[in-house]
N, C-alpha and C. Protein backbone atom coordinates (compact mmCIF):
# COMPACT_ATOMS: atom_id res chain seq x y z
N UNK A 1 -12.28 -10.03 -5.67
CA UNK A 1 -12.22 -9.03 -5.30
C UNK A 1 -12.00 -7.98 -5.84
N UNK A 2 -12.20 -6.56 -6.13
CA UNK A 2 -11.82 -5.59 -6.76
C UNK A 2 -11.30 -4.49 -5.90
N UNK A 3 -9.90 -4.20 -5.82
CA UNK A 3 -9.87 -3.16 -4.95
C UNK A 3 -9.33 -2.00 -5.61
N UNK A 4 -9.46 -0.42 -5.15
CA UNK A 4 -9.24 0.57 -5.82
C UNK A 4 -8.36 1.13 -5.20
N UNK A 5 -7.32 2.32 -5.27
CA UNK A 5 -6.51 3.52 -4.09
C UNK A 5 -6.24 4.29 -4.83
N UNK A 6 -5.69 6.09 -3.66
CA UNK A 6 -5.40 6.92 -4.12
C UNK A 6 -4.62 7.29 -3.05
N UNK A 7 -3.10 7.78 -3.56
CA UNK A 7 -2.31 8.07 -2.26
C UNK A 7 -1.77 9.66 -2.47
N UNK A 8 -1.97 10.57 -1.49
CA UNK A 8 -1.37 12.09 -1.97
C UNK A 8 -0.48 12.38 -0.97
N UNK A 9 0.47 13.07 -1.28
CA UNK A 9 1.15 14.36 -0.31
C UNK A 9 1.97 14.71 -1.30
N UNK A 10 2.64 16.35 -0.94
CA UNK A 10 3.14 17.17 -1.34
C UNK A 10 3.54 16.98 -2.87
N UNK A 11 5.14 15.68 -2.78
CA UNK A 11 5.78 15.31 -3.92
C UNK A 11 5.35 14.63 -4.30
N UNK A 12 4.10 13.63 -4.30
CA UNK A 12 3.14 12.45 -5.27
C UNK A 12 2.11 12.47 -5.24
N UNK A 13 1.86 11.82 -6.34
CA UNK A 13 0.23 11.40 -6.47
C UNK A 13 0.19 10.28 -7.26
N UNK A 14 -0.33 9.13 -6.41
CA UNK A 14 -0.54 7.85 -7.45
C UNK A 14 -1.35 7.07 -7.05
N UNK A 15 -2.24 6.16 -7.80
CA UNK A 15 -3.26 5.45 -8.19
C UNK A 15 -3.47 4.26 -8.37
N UNK A 16 -4.02 3.13 -7.87
CA UNK A 16 -3.36 1.98 -8.12
C UNK A 16 -5.30 1.22 -8.21
N UNK A 17 -5.37 0.22 -9.24
CA UNK A 17 -6.49 -0.47 -8.95
C UNK A 17 -6.06 -2.44 -9.18
N UNK A 18 -6.90 -3.19 -8.77
CA UNK A 18 -6.59 -4.33 -8.94
C UNK A 18 -7.79 -5.26 -8.63
N UNK A 19 -7.16 -6.85 -8.54
CA UNK A 19 -8.31 -7.69 -8.97
C UNK A 19 -7.64 -8.75 -7.65
N UNK A 20 -8.07 -9.26 -6.95
CA UNK A 20 -7.37 -10.28 -5.90
C UNK A 20 -8.36 -11.52 -5.94
N UNK A 21 -8.21 -12.88 -6.87
CA UNK A 21 -8.70 -13.77 -6.71
C UNK A 21 -8.38 -15.20 -5.23
N UNK A 22 -9.73 -15.84 -4.96
CA UNK A 22 -9.26 -16.64 -4.35
C UNK A 22 -10.25 -17.91 -4.43
N UNK A 23 -10.02 -18.34 -5.20
CA UNK A 23 -11.24 -19.74 -5.64
C UNK A 23 -11.07 -20.61 -4.85
N UNK A 24 -11.14 -20.76 -3.20
CA UNK A 24 -12.08 -21.50 -2.40
C UNK A 24 -13.16 -20.36 -1.48
N UNK A 25 -12.66 -19.12 -1.81
CA UNK A 25 -13.45 -18.10 -1.01
C UNK A 25 -12.31 -17.54 -0.17
N UNK A 26 -13.20 -16.36 0.60
CA UNK A 26 -12.36 -15.18 1.07
C UNK A 26 -11.81 -15.78 2.78
N UNK A 27 -12.89 -16.49 3.06
CA UNK A 27 -13.08 -17.03 4.64
C UNK A 27 -12.30 -18.58 5.12
N UNK A 28 -11.92 -18.77 3.80
CA UNK A 28 -11.11 -20.35 3.56
C UNK A 28 -8.86 -20.16 3.49
N UNK A 29 -8.61 -20.66 4.05
CA UNK A 29 -6.69 -20.91 3.43
C UNK A 29 -6.90 -21.52 2.49
N UNK A 30 -5.65 -20.93 1.67
CA UNK A 30 -5.72 -21.42 0.52
C UNK A 30 -5.36 -20.49 -0.47
N UNK A 31 -5.18 -20.59 -1.75
CA UNK A 31 -4.56 -20.08 -3.06
C UNK A 31 -4.94 -18.68 -3.36
N UNK A 32 -4.59 -18.05 -3.79
CA UNK A 32 -5.31 -16.53 -4.10
C UNK A 32 -4.29 -15.95 -4.98
N UNK A 33 -4.50 -15.06 -6.49
CA UNK A 33 -3.80 -14.55 -7.12
C UNK A 33 -4.08 -13.22 -6.70
N UNK A 34 -2.82 -12.13 -7.16
CA UNK A 34 -3.06 -10.44 -6.48
C UNK A 34 -2.43 -10.15 -8.45
N UNK A 35 -3.40 -9.22 -8.68
CA UNK A 35 -3.18 -8.16 -9.98
C UNK A 35 -3.41 -6.78 -9.32
N UNK A 36 -2.31 -6.35 -10.01
CA UNK A 36 -2.32 -4.88 -9.88
C UNK A 36 -1.68 -4.16 -10.55
N UNK A 37 -2.09 -3.61 -11.11
CA UNK A 37 -1.53 -1.91 -11.76
C UNK A 37 -1.69 -0.75 -10.89
N UNK A 38 -0.43 -0.10 -11.12
CA UNK A 38 -0.48 1.16 -10.34
C UNK A 38 0.19 2.80 -11.14
N UNK A 39 0.08 3.95 -10.88
CA UNK A 39 0.63 4.28 -11.71
C UNK A 39 0.46 6.21 -11.01
N UNK A 40 1.65 6.49 -10.89
CA UNK A 40 1.35 8.22 -10.61
C UNK A 40 2.63 9.44 -10.98
N UNK A 41 2.82 9.84 -10.30
CA UNK A 41 3.45 11.54 -10.31
C UNK A 41 4.53 11.50 -8.95
N UNK A 42 5.72 11.79 -9.07
CA UNK A 42 6.96 12.09 -8.06
C UNK A 42 7.37 12.89 -8.32
N UNK A 43 8.15 13.72 -7.36
CA UNK A 43 9.25 14.77 -6.83
C UNK A 43 10.19 14.55 -6.07
N UNK A 44 11.36 14.70 -6.56
CA UNK A 44 12.29 14.14 -5.64
C UNK A 44 13.56 14.79 -6.03
N UNK A 45 14.50 15.28 -5.00
CA UNK A 45 16.12 16.08 -5.14
C UNK A 45 17.02 15.02 -5.77
N UNK A 46 17.83 15.38 -7.21
CA UNK A 46 18.47 14.64 -7.21
C UNK A 46 19.97 14.91 -7.00
N UNK A 47 21.00 14.75 -5.46
CA UNK A 47 21.90 15.38 -5.43
C UNK A 47 23.13 15.85 -6.95
N UNK A 48 22.84 14.23 -8.07
CA UNK A 48 24.07 14.45 -8.82
C UNK A 48 24.04 16.03 -9.42
N UNK A 49 22.59 16.62 -9.91
CA UNK A 49 22.03 17.03 -10.27
C UNK A 49 21.81 18.43 -10.17
N UNK A 50 21.99 18.46 -8.20
CA UNK A 50 21.89 19.71 -7.65
C UNK A 50 20.28 20.10 -7.99
N UNK A 51 18.92 19.64 -8.69
CA UNK A 51 18.16 20.09 -9.08
C UNK A 51 16.67 19.04 -8.79
N UNK A 52 15.50 19.50 -8.65
CA UNK A 52 14.46 18.80 -8.47
C UNK A 52 14.18 17.80 -9.91
N UNK A 53 13.74 16.67 -9.52
CA UNK A 53 13.35 15.79 -11.04
C UNK A 53 11.85 15.48 -10.41
N UNK A 54 10.97 15.74 -11.79
CA UNK A 54 9.45 15.30 -12.16
C UNK A 54 9.81 13.84 -12.38
N UNK A 55 9.44 13.02 -11.90
CA UNK A 55 8.79 12.00 -12.95
C UNK A 55 7.37 11.03 -12.56
N UNK A 56 7.31 10.63 -13.82
CA UNK A 56 6.03 9.23 -13.76
C UNK A 56 6.48 7.71 -13.83
N UNK A 57 5.63 7.24 -12.92
CA UNK A 57 5.47 5.90 -12.71
C UNK A 57 4.31 5.12 -13.06
N UNK A 58 4.78 4.02 -14.12
CA UNK A 58 3.73 2.63 -13.83
C UNK A 58 3.86 1.65 -13.54
N UNK A 59 3.38 0.69 -12.88
CA UNK A 59 3.70 -0.36 -12.49
C UNK A 59 2.59 -1.54 -12.67
N UNK A 60 3.20 -2.72 -13.02
CA UNK A 60 1.80 -4.19 -12.86
C UNK A 60 2.32 -5.35 -12.13
N UNK A 61 1.78 -5.82 -11.38
CA UNK A 61 2.11 -6.64 -10.33
C UNK A 61 1.17 -8.21 -10.81
N UNK A 62 1.73 -9.12 -11.00
CA UNK A 62 0.96 -10.19 -10.83
C UNK A 62 1.63 -11.71 -9.76
N UNK A 63 0.94 -11.06 -8.74
CA UNK A 63 1.49 -12.45 -7.20
C UNK A 63 0.40 -13.62 -7.21
N UNK A 64 0.93 -14.24 -6.84
CA UNK A 64 -0.06 -16.02 -6.77
C UNK A 64 0.71 -15.82 -5.15
N UNK A 65 -0.48 -16.44 -4.28
CA UNK A 65 0.13 -16.29 -3.27
C UNK A 65 -0.94 -17.64 -2.33
N UNK A 66 -0.85 -17.20 -0.78
CA UNK A 66 -1.72 -17.82 -0.11
C UNK A 66 -1.81 -16.93 1.03
N UNK A 67 -3.48 -18.10 1.60
CA UNK A 67 -3.72 -17.20 2.86
C UNK A 67 -3.78 -17.95 3.70
N UNK A 68 -4.12 -17.64 5.42
CA UNK A 68 -3.83 -18.31 6.50
C UNK A 68 -4.25 -18.07 7.48
N UNK A 69 -5.27 -18.53 8.16
CA UNK A 69 -6.23 -18.34 9.30
C UNK A 69 -6.01 -18.94 10.13
N UNK A 70 -6.15 -18.39 11.30
CA UNK A 70 -5.38 -19.33 12.89
C UNK A 70 -6.64 -18.15 13.65
N UNK A 71 -7.29 -19.02 14.36
CA UNK A 71 -8.01 -18.13 15.17
C UNK A 71 -8.61 -16.45 14.81
N UNK A 72 -7.93 -15.63 15.38
CA UNK A 72 -8.08 -14.17 15.62
C UNK A 72 -7.09 -13.99 14.45
N UNK A 73 -6.31 -14.27 14.09
CA UNK A 73 -5.51 -13.83 13.32
C UNK A 73 -5.49 -14.46 11.51
N UNK A 74 -5.44 -13.41 11.01
CA UNK A 74 -5.17 -13.48 9.36
C UNK A 74 -3.69 -13.09 8.59
N UNK A 75 -3.18 -14.00 7.87
CA UNK A 75 -2.05 -13.57 7.27
C UNK A 75 -2.32 -13.83 5.71
N UNK A 76 -1.64 -13.05 4.88
CA UNK A 76 -1.73 -13.72 3.56
C UNK A 76 -0.43 -13.21 3.24
N UNK A 77 0.63 -14.03 1.60
CA UNK A 77 1.90 -14.25 1.43
C UNK A 77 1.89 -14.01 0.14
N UNK A 78 2.32 -12.95 -1.19
CA UNK A 78 2.02 -13.00 -2.25
C UNK A 78 3.75 -12.80 -3.23
N UNK A 79 4.18 -13.33 -3.85
CA UNK A 79 4.98 -13.20 -4.45
C UNK A 79 5.18 -13.67 -5.97
N UNK A 80 5.64 -12.85 -6.81
CA UNK A 80 5.92 -12.54 -8.49
C UNK A 80 6.39 -11.60 -9.28
N UNK A 81 6.17 -11.75 -9.99
CA UNK A 81 6.96 -10.71 -11.22
C UNK A 81 5.97 -9.41 -10.91
N UNK A 82 7.17 -8.70 -11.24
CA UNK A 82 6.64 -6.79 -11.43
C UNK A 82 7.26 -6.51 -12.57
N UNK A 83 6.86 -5.32 -13.20
CA UNK A 83 7.26 -4.55 -14.21
C UNK A 83 6.95 -2.97 -14.01
N UNK A 84 8.22 -2.12 -13.95
CA UNK A 84 7.48 -0.31 -13.67
C UNK A 84 8.39 -0.02 -15.07
N UNK A 85 7.96 1.07 -14.91
CA UNK A 85 8.52 1.97 -16.15
C UNK A 85 8.62 3.30 -15.08
N UNK A 86 10.04 4.30 -15.36
CA UNK A 86 10.01 5.65 -14.93
C UNK A 86 10.17 6.59 -16.32
N UNK A 87 9.66 7.64 -15.87
CA UNK A 87 10.20 8.72 -17.07
C UNK A 87 10.65 10.12 -15.90
N UNK A 88 11.18 10.27 -16.45
CA UNK A 88 12.11 11.55 -15.66
C UNK A 88 12.65 12.66 -16.68
N UNK A 89 12.43 14.27 -16.00
CA UNK A 89 12.82 15.02 -16.63
C UNK A 89 13.01 16.15 -15.38
N UNK A 90 14.33 16.43 -15.57
CA UNK A 90 15.10 16.20 -16.62
C UNK A 90 15.98 14.77 -16.69
N UNK A 91 16.57 14.34 -17.53
CA UNK A 91 17.23 12.64 -16.88
C UNK A 91 18.05 12.79 -15.68
N UNK A 92 17.43 11.28 -15.13
CA UNK A 92 18.41 11.54 -13.75
C UNK A 92 19.22 9.99 -14.35
N UNK A 93 20.34 9.87 -14.72
CA UNK A 93 21.16 8.98 -14.95
C UNK A 93 21.48 7.95 -14.19
N UNK A 94 21.97 8.45 -12.74
CA UNK A 94 22.00 8.12 -11.49
C UNK A 94 20.89 7.24 -10.89
N UNK A 95 19.50 7.45 -11.60
CA UNK A 95 18.47 6.82 -10.95
C UNK A 95 18.58 5.15 -11.41
N UNK A 96 18.72 4.35 -10.15
CA UNK A 96 18.57 2.98 -11.03
C UNK A 96 16.82 2.48 -11.55
N UNK A 97 16.05 3.52 -11.06
CA UNK A 97 14.44 3.07 -11.40
C UNK A 97 14.11 3.40 -12.73
N UNK A 98 15.32 4.36 -13.30
CA UNK A 98 14.73 5.12 -14.88
C UNK A 98 14.47 4.22 -15.64
N UNK A 99 13.67 4.44 -16.72
CA UNK A 99 13.40 3.74 -18.26
C UNK A 99 12.87 2.10 -17.39
N UNK A 100 12.62 1.37 -18.37
CA UNK A 100 11.82 0.30 -18.34
C UNK A 100 13.10 -1.15 -17.21
N UNK A 101 11.74 -1.39 -16.21
CA UNK A 101 12.56 -2.21 -15.07
C UNK A 101 11.94 -3.99 -15.01
N UNK A 102 12.09 -5.10 -14.49
CA UNK A 102 11.55 -6.08 -14.61
C UNK A 102 12.13 -6.68 -13.60
N UNK A 103 11.86 -7.35 -12.18
CA UNK A 103 11.75 -8.01 -11.39
C UNK A 103 10.64 -8.64 -10.50
N UNK A 104 11.03 -8.70 -9.25
CA UNK A 104 9.97 -9.48 -8.24
C UNK A 104 10.17 -9.17 -7.16
N UNK A 105 8.74 -9.26 -6.36
CA UNK A 105 7.92 -8.50 -5.39
C UNK A 105 7.18 -9.41 -4.33
N UNK A 106 7.88 -9.41 -2.91
CA UNK A 106 7.24 -10.43 -2.08
C UNK A 106 6.64 -9.40 -1.11
N UNK A 107 5.49 -9.54 -0.91
CA UNK A 107 4.26 -9.09 0.36
C UNK A 107 4.02 -9.76 1.11
N UNK A 108 3.83 -9.49 2.40
CA UNK A 108 3.25 -9.77 3.50
C UNK A 108 2.00 -8.98 4.13
N UNK A 109 0.79 -9.60 4.53
CA UNK A 109 0.01 -9.06 5.15
C UNK A 109 -0.68 -9.69 6.37
N UNK A 110 -1.05 -8.52 7.44
CA UNK A 110 -1.36 -9.20 8.37
C UNK A 110 -2.51 -8.22 9.29
N UNK A 111 -3.66 -9.33 9.59
CA UNK A 111 -5.46 -9.17 10.51
C UNK A 111 -5.04 -9.70 11.14
N UNK A 112 -4.92 -8.63 13.00
CA UNK A 112 -5.17 -9.36 13.62
C UNK A 112 -5.57 -8.99 14.55
N UNK A 113 -7.19 -9.35 15.01
CA UNK A 113 -7.81 -8.61 16.40
C UNK A 113 -7.73 -9.01 17.55
N UNK A 114 -7.01 -8.40 18.44
CA UNK A 114 -6.36 -9.05 19.44
C UNK A 114 -7.25 -9.43 20.52
N UNK A 115 -8.48 -8.25 20.38
CA UNK A 115 -9.72 -8.79 21.10
C UNK A 115 -11.02 -8.28 20.38
N UNK A 116 -11.90 -8.83 20.87
CA UNK A 116 -12.98 -8.05 19.94
C UNK A 116 -12.95 -6.91 19.80
N UNK A 117 -12.56 -5.78 20.25
CA UNK A 117 -12.63 -4.38 19.86
C UNK A 117 -11.75 -3.37 19.50
N UNK A 118 -10.56 -4.32 19.21
CA UNK A 118 -9.36 -3.78 18.95
C UNK A 118 -8.65 -4.47 18.05
N UNK A 119 -8.08 -4.35 17.28
CA UNK A 119 -7.06 -4.41 15.85
C UNK A 119 -5.66 -4.14 15.66
N UNK A 120 -4.73 -4.87 14.74
CA UNK A 120 -3.25 -4.88 14.68
C UNK A 120 -3.64 -4.94 13.44
N UNK A 121 -2.92 -4.25 12.53
CA UNK A 121 -3.06 -4.75 11.11
C UNK A 121 -1.43 -3.70 10.68
N UNK A 122 -0.82 -4.83 9.28
CA UNK A 122 0.49 -4.29 9.04
C UNK A 122 0.34 -5.19 7.69
N UNK A 123 1.55 -4.40 7.01
CA UNK A 123 1.92 -5.19 6.02
C UNK A 123 3.47 -4.60 5.58
N UNK A 124 3.87 -5.52 4.53
CA UNK A 124 5.44 -5.03 4.30
C UNK A 124 5.60 -5.64 2.32
N UNK A 125 6.50 -5.11 1.90
CA UNK A 125 6.91 -5.12 0.35
C UNK A 125 8.01 -4.93 0.24
N UNK A 126 8.86 -5.86 -0.71
CA UNK A 126 10.28 -5.59 -0.96
C UNK A 126 10.29 -5.86 -2.43
N UNK A 127 10.49 -4.98 -3.31
CA UNK A 127 10.83 -5.05 -4.71
C UNK A 127 12.45 -5.45 -5.02
N UNK A 128 12.45 -6.38 -5.74
CA UNK A 128 14.32 -6.31 -6.24
C UNK A 128 14.72 -5.28 -7.32
N UNK A 129 13.82 -4.67 -7.78
CA UNK A 129 14.06 -3.40 -8.45
C UNK A 129 14.32 -2.08 -7.60
N UNK A 130 15.08 -1.50 -7.59
CA UNK A 130 16.36 -0.57 -6.66
C UNK A 130 16.01 -0.91 -5.19
N UNK A 131 16.21 -2.29 -5.23
CA UNK A 131 15.73 -2.75 -3.27
C UNK A 131 14.58 -1.95 -3.07
N UNK A 132 13.42 -1.75 -3.58
CA UNK A 132 12.71 -0.22 -2.97
C UNK A 132 11.55 -1.54 -2.10
N UNK A 133 11.37 -0.83 -1.08
CA UNK A 133 10.64 -1.78 0.24
C UNK A 133 9.70 -0.96 0.49
N UNK A 134 8.71 -1.27 1.70
CA UNK A 134 7.70 -0.78 2.32
C UNK A 134 7.11 -1.67 3.53
N UNK A 135 6.83 -0.86 4.29
CA UNK A 135 6.07 -1.20 5.73
C UNK A 135 4.97 -0.67 6.40
N UNK A 136 4.00 -1.27 6.95
CA UNK A 136 3.32 -0.64 7.43
C UNK A 136 2.78 -1.03 9.06
N UNK A 137 2.20 -0.44 9.85
CA UNK A 137 1.42 -0.95 11.01
C UNK A 137 0.86 0.14 11.50
N UNK A 138 -0.01 -0.61 11.95
CA UNK A 138 -1.23 -0.02 13.00
C UNK A 138 -2.57 -0.17 13.67
N UNK A 139 -2.36 0.19 14.98
CA UNK A 139 -3.27 -0.74 15.90
C UNK A 139 -4.79 0.43 15.91
N UNK A 140 -6.07 -0.11 16.18
CA UNK A 140 -6.79 0.40 16.12
C UNK A 140 -8.18 -0.08 16.99
N UNK A 141 -9.36 0.56 17.25
CA UNK A 141 -10.57 0.78 18.46
C UNK A 141 -11.52 0.62 17.69
N UNK A 142 -12.50 -0.89 17.78
CA UNK A 142 -13.67 -0.14 17.02
C UNK A 142 -14.63 0.79 18.19
N UNK A 143 -15.18 1.39 16.83
CA UNK A 143 -15.95 2.76 17.25
C UNK A 143 -16.99 2.81 16.59
N UNK A 144 -18.08 3.65 16.65
CA UNK A 144 -18.89 4.11 16.21
C UNK A 144 -20.31 3.01 15.59
N UNK A 145 -20.23 1.60 16.62
CA UNK A 145 -21.16 0.64 16.35
C UNK A 145 -22.87 1.37 16.24
N UNK A 146 -22.68 2.02 17.16
CA UNK A 146 -24.25 2.76 17.02
C UNK A 146 -24.42 3.23 15.78
N UNK A 147 -23.90 3.90 14.56
CA UNK A 147 -24.33 4.52 13.68
C UNK A 147 -23.92 3.47 12.56
N UNK A 148 -22.49 2.64 12.80
CA UNK A 148 -22.80 1.67 11.35
C UNK A 148 -22.86 0.40 11.82
N UNK A 149 -23.64 -0.71 11.06
CA UNK A 149 -24.04 -1.84 11.71
C UNK A 149 -22.72 -2.70 12.35
N UNK A 150 -21.27 -2.55 11.93
CA UNK A 150 -20.48 -3.75 12.52
C UNK A 150 -19.39 -2.23 12.89
N UNK A 151 -19.55 -0.85 12.59
CA UNK A 151 -18.59 -0.19 13.14
C UNK A 151 -17.75 0.16 12.46
N UNK A 152 -16.50 0.59 12.84
CA UNK A 152 -15.08 0.94 11.57
C UNK A 152 -14.30 0.86 13.21
N UNK A 153 -12.46 0.41 12.45
CA UNK A 153 -11.78 0.43 13.53
C UNK A 153 -10.66 2.01 13.20
N UNK A 154 -10.36 2.65 14.36
CA UNK A 154 -9.39 3.89 13.97
C UNK A 154 -8.36 4.17 14.89
N UNK A 155 -7.35 4.58 14.83
CA UNK A 155 -6.12 4.34 15.45
C UNK A 155 -4.54 5.22 14.91
N UNK A 156 -3.85 5.04 15.44
CA UNK A 156 -2.56 5.22 15.16
C UNK A 156 -1.88 4.55 13.95
N UNK A 157 -0.68 4.98 12.72
CA UNK A 157 0.14 4.22 12.04
C UNK A 157 1.13 4.86 11.80
N UNK A 158 2.34 4.12 11.64
CA UNK A 158 3.32 3.98 11.21
C UNK A 158 3.43 3.60 9.52
N UNK A 159 4.15 4.27 8.71
CA UNK A 159 4.88 3.45 7.98
C UNK A 159 5.86 4.09 7.36
N UNK A 160 6.34 3.56 6.65
CA UNK A 160 7.66 3.82 5.85
C UNK A 160 8.36 3.32 4.62
N UNK A 161 8.50 4.04 3.50
CA UNK A 161 8.50 3.61 2.62
C UNK A 161 10.30 3.89 2.06
N UNK A 162 11.04 3.27 0.92
CA UNK A 162 12.36 3.29 0.82
C UNK A 162 12.90 2.81 -0.48
N UNK A 163 13.89 3.27 -1.06
CA UNK A 163 14.45 2.63 -2.28
C UNK A 163 15.87 2.98 -2.33
N UNK A 164 16.60 2.71 -3.18
CA UNK A 164 18.06 3.71 -3.33
C UNK A 164 18.25 4.96 -3.23
N UNK A 165 18.62 5.36 -2.37
CA UNK A 165 19.10 6.88 -2.42
C UNK A 165 17.64 7.61 -1.56
N UNK A 166 16.59 7.18 -1.32
CA UNK A 166 15.52 7.67 -0.94
C UNK A 166 14.52 7.09 0.09
N UNK A 167 14.13 7.83 1.20
CA UNK A 167 13.73 7.33 2.39
C UNK A 167 12.29 8.04 2.71
N UNK A 168 11.37 7.62 2.91
CA UNK A 168 10.01 8.77 3.51
C UNK A 168 9.21 7.02 4.94
N UNK A 169 8.73 8.34 5.51
CA UNK A 169 8.65 8.79 7.02
C UNK A 169 7.19 9.00 6.94
N UNK A 170 6.35 7.89 7.63
CA UNK A 170 4.78 8.70 7.75
C UNK A 170 4.30 8.42 9.25
N UNK A 171 3.43 9.42 10.34
CA UNK A 171 2.86 8.89 11.14
C UNK A 171 1.37 9.93 11.02
N UNK A 172 0.54 8.89 11.20
CA UNK A 172 -0.91 9.42 10.85
C UNK A 172 -1.79 8.78 11.99
N UNK A 173 -3.31 8.72 11.62
CA UNK A 173 -4.53 7.87 12.13
C UNK A 173 -5.11 7.27 10.70
N UNK A 174 -5.70 5.92 10.88
CA UNK A 174 -6.23 5.41 9.66
C UNK A 174 -7.76 5.05 10.19
N UNK A 175 -8.65 4.77 9.70
CA UNK A 175 -9.90 4.13 9.68
C UNK A 175 -9.76 3.19 8.50
N UNK A 176 -10.26 1.78 9.47
CA UNK A 176 -10.49 0.27 8.16
C UNK A 176 -11.36 0.02 8.98
N UNK A 177 -11.58 -0.64 7.38
CA UNK A 177 -13.02 -1.61 7.64
C UNK A 177 -14.52 -0.81 7.94
N UNK A 178 -14.83 -0.05 6.80
CA UNK A 178 -16.07 0.68 7.34
C UNK A 178 -16.74 0.33 5.81
N UNK A 179 -17.95 -0.44 6.26
CA UNK A 179 -18.51 -0.86 5.04
C UNK A 179 -19.84 -0.17 4.77
N UNK A 180 -19.53 0.04 3.55
CA UNK A 180 -21.15 0.78 3.42
C UNK A 180 -21.73 -0.26 2.00
N UNK A 181 -23.04 -0.93 2.00
CA UNK A 181 -23.37 -1.77 1.52
C UNK A 181 -22.39 -2.70 0.82
N UNK A 182 -21.94 -2.69 -0.59
CA UNK A 182 -21.17 -3.78 -0.95
C UNK A 182 -19.57 -3.00 -0.52
N UNK A 183 -19.33 -2.04 -0.50
CA UNK A 183 -18.12 -1.64 -0.77
C UNK A 183 -17.47 -1.64 0.95
N UNK A 184 -16.33 -1.97 0.92
CA UNK A 184 -15.19 -1.71 2.08
C UNK A 184 -14.08 -0.45 2.12
N UNK A 185 -14.39 0.71 3.14
CA UNK A 185 -13.54 1.81 2.68
C UNK A 185 -12.40 1.41 3.67
N UNK A 186 -11.49 2.33 3.73
CA UNK A 186 -10.20 2.41 4.56
C UNK A 186 -9.43 3.51 3.97
N UNK A 187 -8.97 4.56 5.03
CA UNK A 187 -8.36 5.92 5.27
C UNK A 187 -7.86 6.14 5.87
N UNK A 188 -6.49 7.37 5.09
CA UNK A 188 -5.13 7.52 6.36
C UNK A 188 -5.16 9.11 6.05
N UNK A 189 -4.76 9.66 7.32
CA UNK A 189 -4.13 10.74 7.43
C UNK A 189 -3.24 11.31 7.94
N UNK A 190 -1.85 11.91 7.89
CA UNK A 190 -0.99 12.55 8.78
C UNK A 190 0.13 13.09 7.97
N UNK A 191 1.08 13.48 8.62
CA UNK A 191 2.66 14.04 8.39
C UNK A 191 3.17 12.81 7.87
N UNK A 192 3.79 13.26 6.66
CA UNK A 192 5.00 12.24 6.35
C UNK A 192 5.95 13.49 5.67
N UNK A 193 7.59 12.66 6.08
CA UNK A 193 8.71 13.21 5.63
C UNK A 193 9.46 12.63 5.00
N UNK A 194 10.54 13.03 4.18
CA UNK A 194 11.09 12.11 3.40
C UNK A 194 12.80 12.60 3.59
N UNK A 195 13.80 11.87 3.39
CA UNK A 195 14.89 11.90 3.23
C UNK A 195 15.59 13.44 2.19
N UNK A 196 14.79 13.83 1.75
CA UNK A 196 15.14 15.07 0.86
C UNK A 196 15.08 15.92 2.37
N UNK A 197 14.42 16.54 3.21
CA UNK A 197 14.35 17.09 4.30
C UNK A 197 12.55 17.84 4.32
N UNK A 198 11.67 17.32 3.23
CA UNK A 198 10.80 17.78 2.71
C UNK A 198 9.37 16.94 3.09
N UNK A 199 8.22 18.00 4.14
CA UNK A 199 7.35 17.38 5.13
C UNK A 199 5.92 17.69 4.37
N UNK A 200 5.42 17.13 4.72
CA UNK A 200 3.40 17.98 3.93
C UNK A 200 2.72 17.02 5.21
N UNK A 201 1.21 17.01 4.96
CA UNK A 201 0.42 16.47 4.93
C UNK A 201 0.22 15.08 3.88
N UNK A 202 -0.21 14.23 4.77
CA UNK A 202 -0.48 12.90 3.35
C UNK A 202 -1.78 12.40 3.41
N UNK A 203 -2.83 12.05 2.63
CA UNK A 203 -3.74 11.69 2.64
C UNK A 203 -4.11 10.40 1.70
N UNK A 204 -4.35 9.17 2.45
CA UNK A 204 -4.83 7.92 2.08
C UNK A 204 -6.30 7.43 1.64
N UNK A 205 -6.94 6.95 0.79
CA UNK A 205 -7.91 6.47 0.49
C UNK A 205 -8.16 5.05 -0.47
N UNK A 206 -8.77 4.31 0.29
CA UNK A 206 -8.56 2.67 -0.73
C UNK A 206 -10.48 2.30 -0.23
N UNK A 207 -10.63 1.33 -1.16
CA UNK A 207 -11.76 0.60 -1.29
C UNK A 207 -11.72 -0.71 -1.96
N UNK A 208 -12.43 -1.45 -1.40
CA UNK A 208 -12.66 -2.84 -1.87
C UNK A 208 -14.09 -3.67 -1.93
N UNK A 209 -14.59 -4.01 -3.31
CA UNK A 209 -15.62 -4.56 -3.57
C UNK A 209 -15.70 -5.98 -3.79
N UNK A 210 -16.19 -6.70 -3.12
CA UNK A 210 -16.63 -8.42 -3.30
C UNK A 210 -17.43 -8.54 -3.99
N UNK A 211 -16.66 -9.38 -5.44
CA UNK A 211 -18.23 -9.28 -6.27
C UNK A 211 -18.11 -11.08 -6.32
N UNK A 212 -18.05 -11.68 -5.56
CA UNK A 212 -18.72 -12.96 -5.11
C UNK A 212 -17.71 -13.46 -4.11
N UNK A 213 -18.64 -14.59 -3.21
CA UNK A 213 -18.69 -14.83 -2.47
C UNK A 213 -18.25 -16.20 -2.24
């Protein structure tokens, strides 16, 4: 499965692409391998320098994992090495993420169809690099069955990002599992606010293409 996404808000714009491999297929329990490459630009306020810092980030993740499905609940777990590069203008020597870093990342994903028309979806991630971490939880109702063959889920979501010296919270509305031909789309939008006291709308767009069943 190929996947790709974009995430934009006032102080950052990121893009990622990757490949998810499941030797036993995506409907069976078992081993999976996730390969992900990401990059983007972001801005933050450095208190030690009393000014804004502009940064560019690139990262690569290679994470073996496994899938477990029990009834209407599907869980995925991944763990593996991660490499990050951060370039800062001007340089911020107090930022632990500056330059090249290698570490380990752990990821968990949840898909729970509580009823035939409702969904709970979530994910959490933790990296040893600057203790960066994130979590997201969303609730959705299936709608638009009359327009799309399987409809899609929509509802509220809350999301959190953190690392040494920085926090960001998001509250918005998501669209999940909108299928168009061989591509499955998801999107979200809402309001983001960070520990620098800055707020703005955010937009996220993701797509996945299953290249083999």
